[in-house]
Amino acid sequence: MNLEEYFARTGYKGSTDKQDLETLTDIFQHHIRAVPFENLSIHCGEKITLELEHVYNKIVRRKRGGWCMENNQLLGWVLKGLGYDTSFLGAYVFNPHQNAYATLMTHLVVKVVIDGKAYIVDGGFGVSYQMWQPMELVSGKDQPQAPGVFRLTEKNGVWYLEKVRRKQYIPNQSFCNSDLLEKKECRKVYMFSLEPRTVEDFRFQCTYLQTSPDSLFTKKSICTLQTTDGFRALIGWTLTETTYNYKENMDLVEFLTLEDEEVEKTLKEKFDITLDSKLVPINVKGSYTI
């Protein structure tokens, strides 16, 4: 495990000498555009484990992606190795179909402190809720980014992340009412406290999320990757390609339904992923929006 090999994986060629916000943002953006947010292991008969060496080998050497506990753990290791003041936090994800936050702390994020200012760095959410820049940990401030306007709000020691999106142009009208499409312009994403967490705090959740029939991740095969102007996602057999600000205050959202034999080829061409085992795509309706 070494930082040079990680940077070769993400294509980052910038400075590693400064522990400033500009460097952090550059390293972060290279990560989210090279490493997919994906749960394909669950649907390939593989087990997801949280040992850092396993995560490193999977993402860096096997050129796979991972979910938040993998992506953000690896990012935290990289940033700590560069001298950043980092810690892990735990979040409760909002479920739009239940209109409620999860009761289980399933989302791991990284907190980074630079010159006395705290930032949230989250490289493990995917689709349109994936932040593109570290978010300053300040309450009530709009933080516009390419994906939309993110905002953190603090109430009684609990922090809430929400995002306001643009209007959507969907050329393939048959997908206008897709349950994958987020209908609200302002969407709650997750809530968290500033209590420091460790990877050990996520052991149970890691097992639960990949085994429970109630888990979103057993109901959907997901692979998403940020691009220079948007993101692409393969959920079951549905390929989505989104271009941010395609027109003024409007995102272009293109849908395509794949045949079984096209899935593997699409993973390679669109996400640079080659799987060791056979993927069984799945997309049970509900509980996930883009």
Protein backbone atom coordinates (compact mmCIF):
# COMPACT_ATOMS: atom_id res chain seq x y z
CA MET A 1 0.00 0.00 0.00
CA ASN A 2 1.47 3.33 -1.04
CA LEU A 3 0.22 6.77 -2.00
CA GLU A 4 1.98 6.79 -5.38
CA GLU A 5 0.05 3.71 -6.49
CA TYR A 6 -3.21 5.29 -5.31
CA PHE A 7 -2.47 8.50 -7.25
CA ALA A 8 -1.67 6.45 -10.36
CA ARG A 9 -5.13 4.88 -9.97
CA THR A 10 -6.88 8.27 -9.77
CA GLY A 11 -4.63 10.08 -12.25
CA TYR A 12 -3.68 12.81 -9.76
CA LYS A 13 -0.36 14.43 -10.68
CA GLY A 14 -0.51 17.58 -8.54
CA SER A 15 1.38 18.62 -5.45
CA THR A 16 1.28 16.60 -2.24
CA ASP A 17 3.39 19.01 -0.20
CA LYS A 18 0.65 21.42 0.89
CA GLN A 19 -2.18 20.48 3.22
CA ASP A 20 -4.47 23.21 1.89
CA LEU A 21 -8.06 23.29 0.60
CA GLU A 22 -7.04 23.60 -3.05
CA THR A 23 -4.93 20.44 -2.90
CA LEU A 24 -7.62 18.59 -0.95
CA THR A 25 -10.25 19.52 -3.55
CA ASP A 26 -8.05 18.41 -6.45
CA ILE A 27 -7.25 15.03 -4.84
CA PHE A 28 -10.94 14.55 -3.98
CA GLN A 29 -12.17 15.33 -7.50
CA HIS A 30 -9.68 12.91 -9.04
CA HIS A 31 -10.99 10.21 -6.70
CA ILE A 32 -14.70 10.63 -7.51
CA ARG A 33 -14.00 10.72 -11.27
CA ALA A 34 -11.85 7.58 -11.22
CA VAL A 35 -13.37 5.41 -8.48
CA PRO A 36 -17.05 4.43 -8.89
CA PHE A 37 -19.55 4.29 -6.06
CA GLU A 38 -20.75 0.70 -6.51
CA ASN A 39 -22.13 -2.35 -4.71
CA LEU A 40 -21.56 -4.89 -7.47
CA SER A 41 -19.75 -7.33 -5.18
CA ILE A 42 -23.05 -8.14 -3.48
CA HIS A 43 -24.51 -9.22 -6.83
CA CYS A 44 -21.41 -11.15 -7.90
CA GLY A 45 -21.30 -13.46 -4.90
CA GLU A 46 -18.40 -11.57 -3.31
CA LYS A 47 -18.22 -10.37 0.29
CA ILE A 48 -17.50 -6.74 1.11
CA THR A 49 -15.09 -6.42 4.04
CA LEU A 50 -13.77 -3.31 5.77
CA GLU A 51 -10.12 -4.28 6.25
CA LEU A 52 -8.13 -1.40 4.76
CA GLU A 53 -5.72 -3.69 2.88
CA HIS A 54 -8.66 -5.43 1.22
CA VAL A 55 -10.25 -2.09 0.31
CA TYR A 56 -6.93 -0.85 -1.09
CA ASN A 57 -6.43 -3.96 -3.22
CA LYS A 58 -9.99 -3.85 -4.51
CA ILE A 59 -10.03 -0.17 -5.49
CA VAL A 60 -6.40 0.55 -6.34
CA ARG A 61 -5.10 -2.73 -7.78
CA ARG A 62 -8.27 -4.35 -9.12
CA LYS A 63 -9.62 -0.99 -10.36
CA ARG A 64 -12.99 -1.48 -8.74
CA GLY A 65 -15.12 0.98 -6.81
CA GLY A 66 -16.90 0.61 -3.51
CA TRP A 67 -19.54 2.04 -1.22
CA CYS A 68 -19.02 4.74 1.42
CA MET A 69 -17.25 2.53 3.97
CA GLU A 70 -14.69 1.60 1.33
CA ASN A 71 -14.32 4.84 -0.64
CA ASN A 72 -14.20 7.16 2.34
CA GLN A 73 -12.02 4.87 4.42
CA LEU A 74 -9.48 4.85 1.58
CA LEU A 75 -9.76 8.63 1.15
CA GLY A 76 -9.25 9.11 4.88
CA TRP A 77 -6.12 6.94 4.77
CA VAL A 78 -4.74 8.93 1.82
CA LEU A 79 -5.40 12.31 3.43
CA LYS A 80 -3.97 11.22 6.78
CA GLY A 81 -0.89 9.94 4.98
CA LEU A 82 -0.45 13.38 3.42
CA GLY A 83 -0.62 15.07 6.82
CA TYR A 84 -4.23 16.28 6.88
CA ASP A 85 -6.12 16.42 10.18
CA THR A 86 -8.83 13.84 9.48
CA SER A 87 -11.48 11.89 11.36
CA PHE A 88 -14.49 9.73 10.51
CA LEU A 89 -18.12 10.63 11.21
CA GLY A 90 -21.28 8.51 10.94
CA ALA A 91 -24.44 9.59 9.12
CA TYR A 92 -28.07 8.47 8.83
CA VAL A 93 -29.26 8.50 5.21
CA PHE A 94 -32.63 10.00 4.22
CA ASN A 95 -35.06 7.64 2.46
CA PRO A 96 -37.32 9.71 0.18
CA HIS A 97 -39.85 6.91 -0.24
CA GLN A 98 -40.36 6.65 3.53
CA ASN A 99 -39.83 10.40 4.04
CA ALA A 100 -37.61 9.62 7.01
CA TYR A 101 -33.98 9.25 8.02
CA ALA A 102 -32.67 5.73 8.55
CA THR A 103 -32.53 4.50 12.14
CA LEU A 104 -29.22 2.74 11.44
CA MET A 105 -25.98 4.71 11.05
CA THR A 106 -24.90 3.35 7.66
CA HIS A 107 -22.94 6.19 6.04
CA LEU A 108 -19.28 6.91 6.79
CA VAL A 109 -17.90 10.37 5.93
CA VAL A 110 -14.58 12.13 6.47
CA LYS A 111 -14.08 15.36 8.40
CA VAL A 112 -10.96 17.37 7.56
CA VAL A 113 -9.72 20.40 9.50
CA ILE A 114 -7.54 22.96 7.68
CA ASP A 115 -6.28 26.10 9.45
CA GLY A 116 -8.99 25.77 12.09
CA LYS A 117 -11.83 25.33 9.56
CA ALA A 118 -13.69 22.01 9.37
CA TYR A 119 -14.85 20.45 6.09
CA ILE A 120 -16.95 17.42 5.19
CA VAL A 121 -15.35 15.25 2.50
CA ASP A 122 -17.64 12.53 1.17
CA GLY A 123 -16.51 10.46 -1.81
CA GLY A 124 -19.03 7.69 -1.25
CA PHE A 125 -22.56 8.76 -2.07
CA GLY A 126 -22.79 8.71 -5.85
CA VAL A 127 -25.35 9.94 -8.40
CA SER A 128 -26.45 13.58 -8.17
CA TYR A 129 -25.97 13.77 -4.38
CA GLN A 130 -22.22 13.27 -4.72
CA MET A 131 -20.52 16.51 -3.66
CA TRP A 132 -17.72 17.67 -5.94
CA GLN A 133 -15.93 19.86 -3.42
CA PRO A 134 -15.30 19.60 0.32
CA MET A 135 -18.14 21.32 2.19
CA GLU A 136 -17.31 23.85 4.86
CA LEU A 137 -18.91 22.78 8.13
CA VAL A 138 -20.99 25.90 8.65
CA SER A 139 -24.73 26.05 9.30
CA GLY A 140 -27.21 27.64 6.92
CA LYS A 141 -24.81 28.64 4.16
CA ASP A 142 -25.62 27.81 0.52
CA GLN A 143 -22.59 26.11 -1.07
CA PRO A 144 -23.14 26.03 -4.85
CA GLN A 145 -21.30 23.29 -6.76
CA ALA A 146 -21.63 21.82 -10.24
CA PRO A 147 -24.22 19.20 -9.11
CA GLY A 148 -26.42 21.89 -7.50
CA VAL A 149 -26.63 23.88 -4.28
CA PHE A 150 -25.65 21.97 -1.13
CA ARG A 151 -26.45 23.24 2.35
CA LEU A 152 -25.56 22.10 5.87
CA THR A 153 -27.84 23.05 8.74
CA GLU A 154 -27.17 22.40 12.42
CA LYS A 155 -29.94 21.92 15.02
CA ASN A 156 -29.22 20.87 18.62
CA GLY A 157 -25.88 19.29 17.72
CA VAL A 158 -27.25 17.38 14.72
CA TRP A 159 -26.15 18.39 11.21
CA TYR A 160 -28.37 17.98 8.16
CA LEU A 161 -27.21 17.91 4.53
CA GLU A 162 -29.62 18.83 1.75
CA LYS A 163 -29.31 19.62 -1.93
CA VAL A 164 -31.29 21.81 -4.33
CA ARG A 165 -31.18 20.59 -7.92
CA ARG A 166 -31.89 22.21 -11.26
CA LYS A 167 -34.80 21.42 -13.54
CA GLN A 168 -34.40 18.24 -15.60
CA TYR A 169 -34.71 17.71 -19.35
CA ILE A 170 -35.45 14.07 -20.19
CA PRO A 171 -35.39 13.35 -23.96
CA ASN A 172 -36.69 9.78 -23.51
CA GLN A 173 -40.22 10.63 -22.38
CA SER A 174 -40.97 7.05 -21.38
CA PHE A 175 -38.69 7.61 -18.36
CA CYS A 176 -40.35 10.85 -17.18
CA ASN A 177 -42.16 9.01 -14.41
CA SER A 178 -39.33 6.62 -13.55
CA ASP A 179 -39.07 5.89 -9.83
CA LEU A 180 -35.33 6.55 -10.21
CA LEU A 181 -36.03 10.23 -10.85
CA GLU A 182 -36.08 12.55 -7.86
CA LYS A 183 -39.29 14.60 -8.12
CA LYS A 184 -38.53 17.22 -5.46
CA GLU A 185 -36.17 20.10 -6.23
CA CYS A 186 -34.91 20.25 -2.63
CA ARG A 187 -33.86 16.88 -1.25
CA LYS A 188 -32.65 15.86 2.21
CA VAL A 189 -29.54 13.68 1.92
CA TYR A 190 -28.40 12.63 5.42
CA MET A 191 -27.92 13.75 9.02
CA PHE A 192 -24.90 13.29 11.29
CA SER A 193 -23.25 14.38 14.53
CA LEU A 194 -19.63 15.41 15.07
CA GLU A 195 -18.92 12.44 17.34
CA PRO A 196 -15.73 10.80 15.99
CA ARG A 197 -16.26 7.27 14.70
CA THR A 198 -14.00 4.38 13.78
CA VAL A 199 -14.37 1.72 11.09
CA GLU A 200 -15.29 -0.68 13.91
CA ASP A 201 -18.52 1.29 14.38
CA PHE A 202 -19.63 0.09 10.93
CA ARG A 203 -18.96 -3.67 11.16
CA PHE A 204 -22.57 -4.65 11.82
CA GLN A 205 -23.89 -2.25 9.18
CA CYS A 206 -21.48 -3.61 6.57
CA THR A 207 -22.84 -7.13 7.08
CA TYR A 208 -26.47 -6.02 7.35
CA LEU A 209 -26.45 -3.91 4.18
CA GLN A 210 -25.16 -6.73 2.02
CA THR A 211 -27.32 -9.53 3.47
CA SER A 212 -30.68 -8.14 4.64
CA PRO A 213 -33.62 -8.40 2.21
CA ASP A 214 -34.67 -4.97 3.54
CA SER A 215 -31.41 -3.35 2.45
CA LEU A 216 -31.39 -1.03 -0.55
CA PHE A 217 -28.13 -2.62 -1.62
CA THR A 218 -29.55 -6.14 -1.92
CA LYS A 219 -32.48 -4.77 -3.95
CA LYS A 220 -30.42 -2.87 -6.52
CA SER A 221 -27.14 -3.41 -8.35
CA ILE A 222 -25.58 0.06 -8.48
CA CYS A 223 -22.56 1.53 -10.22
CA THR A 224 -22.15 5.30 -10.52
CA LEU A 225 -19.25 7.51 -11.55
CA GLN A 226 -18.79 11.27 -11.66
CA THR A 227 -17.60 12.78 -14.95
CA THR A 228 -16.18 16.20 -15.82
CA ASP A 229 -19.67 17.57 -16.55
CA GLY A 230 -22.09 15.27 -14.70
CA PHE A 231 -22.35 11.61 -13.76
CA ARG A 232 -23.35 8.24 -15.17
CA ALA A 233 -25.12 5.44 -13.36
CA LEU A 234 -26.00 1.82 -14.08
CA ILE A 235 -28.81 0.66 -11.80
CA GLY A 236 -29.97 -2.84 -12.69
CA TRP A 237 -30.33 -2.65 -16.47
CA THR A 238 -30.95 1.13 -16.59
CA LEU A 239 -28.07 3.31 -17.76
CA THR A 240 -28.40 7.00 -16.93
CA GLU A 241 -26.10 9.76 -18.16
CA THR A 242 -26.61 13.20 -16.65
CA THR A 243 -25.03 16.43 -17.90
CA TYR A 244 -25.15 19.29 -15.41
CA ASN A 245 -26.25 22.75 -16.60
CA TYR A 246 -26.86 21.45 -20.13
CA LYS A 247 -28.95 24.60 -20.58
CA GLU A 248 -29.35 27.47 -18.13
CA ASN A 249 -30.60 26.01 -14.83
CA MET A 250 -31.36 22.68 -16.53
CA ASP A 251 -29.69 19.26 -16.38
CA LEU A 252 -29.89 16.77 -19.25
CA VAL A 253 -30.87 13.27 -18.06
CA GLU A 254 -30.59 10.49 -20.64
CA PHE A 255 -31.94 6.99 -19.97
CA LEU A 256 -31.23 3.73 -21.76
CA THR A 257 -32.42 0.21 -20.95
CA LEU A 258 -29.75 -2.44 -21.55
CA GLU A 259 -30.07 -6.08 -22.50
CA ASP A 260 -28.38 -8.66 -20.28
CA GLU A 261 -25.50 -9.13 -22.71
CA GLU A 262 -24.82 -5.37 -22.79
CA VAL A 263 -24.31 -4.93 -19.05
CA GLU A 264 -20.75 -6.29 -18.82
CA LYS A 265 -19.63 -4.33 -21.89
CA THR A 266 -21.18 -1.13 -20.53
CA LEU A 267 -19.41 -1.55 -17.16
CA LYS A 268 -16.10 -1.74 -19.00
CA GLU A 269 -16.73 1.08 -21.47
CA LYS A 270 -18.49 3.55 -19.16
CA PHE A 271 -16.99 2.75 -15.76
CA ASP A 272 -13.71 0.95 -16.59
CA ILE A 273 -14.80 -1.99 -14.43
CA THR A 274 -14.06 -5.61 -15.22
CA LEU A 275 -15.65 -8.08 -12.81
CA ASP A 276 -14.06 -11.35 -11.73
CA SER A 277 -17.43 -13.03 -11.21
CA LYS A 278 -20.73 -13.03 -13.07
CA LEU A 279 -22.98 -10.09 -12.20
CA VAL A 280 -26.68 -10.73 -11.63
CA PRO A 281 -28.32 -7.30 -12.17
CA ILE A 282 -31.32 -6.37 -10.02
CA ASN A 283 -33.52 -3.32 -9.68
CA VAL A 284 -36.45 -3.64 -7.28
CA LYS A 285 -38.55 -0.48 -7.56
CA GLY A 286 -38.35 2.28 -4.97
CA SER A 287 -35.94 3.60 -2.32
CA TYR A 288 -33.28 5.06 -4.64
CA THR A 289 -33.28 8.26 -6.69
CA ILE A 290 -30.77 10.01 -8.90
